[in-house]
Amino acid sequence: MSSSVRNTTRPLCLFLKPLYRPAVEAIDFITTTMQQNDDESTVSDEWRYIALIIDSLLSGIIILQTSD
């Protein structure tokens, strides 16, 4: 691993045996990446819901306008 990754280790890694540090760093990277993906997914789902509401409102307006 690069030296920049080793300098950004969490305090817990400092107390572990050197054998376990890469595993803990890998787990930390995986969990951080999964949290970021989950946050992006949540934002995407919120925008999808907003688009669905706007689509429903516009469909209702069009139906009311064409029924006259």
Foldseek 3Di string as FASTA:
>chain_A
DDPVLVVPDDPVLVPDDPVCNVVVSVVVVVVVVVVVVVVVVVVVVVVVVVVVVVVVVVVVVVVVVVVD
